Amino acid sequence: MRLSPPQICLGLMVALITSAPFTGALASAPEQGQAAVLLNPSLSRADQLRQISQAGAEIVRFGAVPGAVIVNMTPTTGPAELRAAGAWLLGR
């Protein structure tokens, strides 16, 4: 079953609303080390890998949720580079 864009948006809105207590951690993205990144969930893993690579980060593993990726930021990679490459959210 393929989800339509409105269904994806509704699902993301519900997920964000129910995770309100954790938004403080998401707002303060780490400058180095490992970070959780949320990319567009409709992208394939190959496209997600491409976006993370463009930012200069290294993928540690893919998360259980579509679009969730754990990355290791290199000295030349920071939150700004990940956001420029398409990251929606960054967290610890």
Protein backbone atom coordinates (compact mmCIF):
# COMPACT_ATOMS: atom_id res chain seq x y z
CA MET A 1 0.00 0.00 0.00
CA ARG A 2 1.41 3.36 -1.03
CA LEU A 3 0.53 6.35 1.13
CA SER A 4 -0.58 9.59 -0.43
CA PRO A 5 1.14 12.88 0.53
CA PRO A 6 -1.82 14.00 2.71
CA GLN A 7 -1.70 10.70 4.58
CA ILE A 8 2.04 11.09 5.14
CA CYS A 9 1.57 14.66 6.40
CA LEU A 10 -1.22 13.60 8.75
CA GLY A 11 0.91 10.78 10.12
CA LEU A 12 3.86 13.11 10.69
CA MET A 13 1.63 15.67 12.41
CA VAL A 14 0.28 13.02 14.79
CA ALA A 15 3.79 11.76 15.48
CA LEU A 16 5.09 15.26 16.19
CA ILE A 17 2.16 16.19 18.42
CA THR A 18 2.44 13.02 20.49
CA SER A 19 6.19 13.44 20.86
CA ALA A 20 5.97 17.00 22.23
CA PRO A 21 7.93 16.18 25.42
CA PHE A 22 10.93 15.24 23.32
CA THR A 23 11.04 18.32 21.12
CA GLY A 24 13.58 19.99 23.39
CA ALA A 25 16.08 17.27 22.54
CA LEU A 26 15.33 17.67 18.85
CA ALA A 27 15.76 21.44 18.97
CA SER A 28 19.29 21.15 20.31
CA ALA A 29 21.08 19.14 17.66
CA PRO A 30 24.61 18.09 18.58
CA GLU A 31 27.50 19.75 16.78
CA GLN A 32 29.50 16.52 16.59
CA GLY A 33 29.18 12.82 17.31
CA GLN A 34 26.09 10.72 16.65
CA ALA A 35 22.72 12.24 15.89
CA ALA A 36 19.27 11.05 14.91
CA VAL A 37 18.12 12.52 11.61
CA LEU A 38 14.65 12.47 10.10
CA LEU A 39 14.57 12.68 6.32
CA ASN A 40 11.62 12.65 3.94
CA PRO A 41 10.04 9.24 4.67
CA SER A 42 8.94 8.78 1.06
CA LEU A 43 12.58 8.62 -0.12
CA SER A 44 14.22 5.28 -0.81
CA ARG A 45 17.15 4.22 1.37
CA ALA A 46 19.46 4.89 -1.58
CA ASP A 47 18.20 8.48 -1.79
CA GLN A 48 18.56 8.87 1.99
CA LEU A 49 22.12 7.55 1.77
CA ARG A 50 22.83 10.02 -1.02
CA GLN A 51 21.53 12.95 1.04
CA ILE A 52 23.57 12.00 4.11
CA SER A 53 26.68 11.50 1.96
CA GLN A 54 26.20 14.92 0.35
CA ALA A 55 26.26 16.44 3.82
CA GLY A 56 29.52 14.65 4.58
CA ALA A 57 28.15 12.52 7.44
CA GLU A 58 28.50 8.77 7.91
CA ILE A 59 25.47 6.51 8.35
CA VAL A 60 25.59 4.39 11.49
CA ARG A 61 22.28 2.63 10.81
CA PHE A 62 18.80 3.16 9.45
CA GLY A 63 16.03 3.54 12.02
CA ALA A 64 12.88 1.47 12.31
CA VAL A 65 10.73 4.42 11.23
CA PRO A 66 10.84 5.36 7.54
CA GLY A 67 13.14 8.34 7.10
CA ALA A 68 14.90 7.91 10.47
CA VAL A 69 18.67 7.56 10.22
CA ILE A 70 21.41 7.53 12.86
CA VAL A 71 24.47 9.35 11.57
CA ASN A 72 27.97 10.10 12.79
CA MET A 73 28.90 13.69 12.04
CA THR A 74 32.45 14.16 10.87
CA PRO A 75 34.51 17.27 11.76
CA THR A 76 33.37 18.94 8.53
CA THR A 77 29.70 18.05 9.03
CA GLY A 78 27.28 19.83 11.31
CA PRO A 79 23.55 20.42 11.65
CA ALA A 80 23.61 23.15 8.99
CA GLU A 81 25.07 20.78 6.37
CA LEU A 82 22.55 18.05 7.22
CA ARG A 83 19.64 20.48 7.00
CA ALA A 84 20.95 21.81 3.68
CA ALA A 85 21.05 18.20 2.41
CA GLY A 86 17.38 17.70 3.27
CA ALA A 87 17.16 16.72 6.96
CA TRP A 88 13.80 17.63 8.47
CA LEU A 89 14.76 17.12 12.13
CA LEU A 90 17.97 16.52 14.03
CA GLY A 91 18.30 15.23 17.59
CA ARG A 92 20.59 13.60 20.09
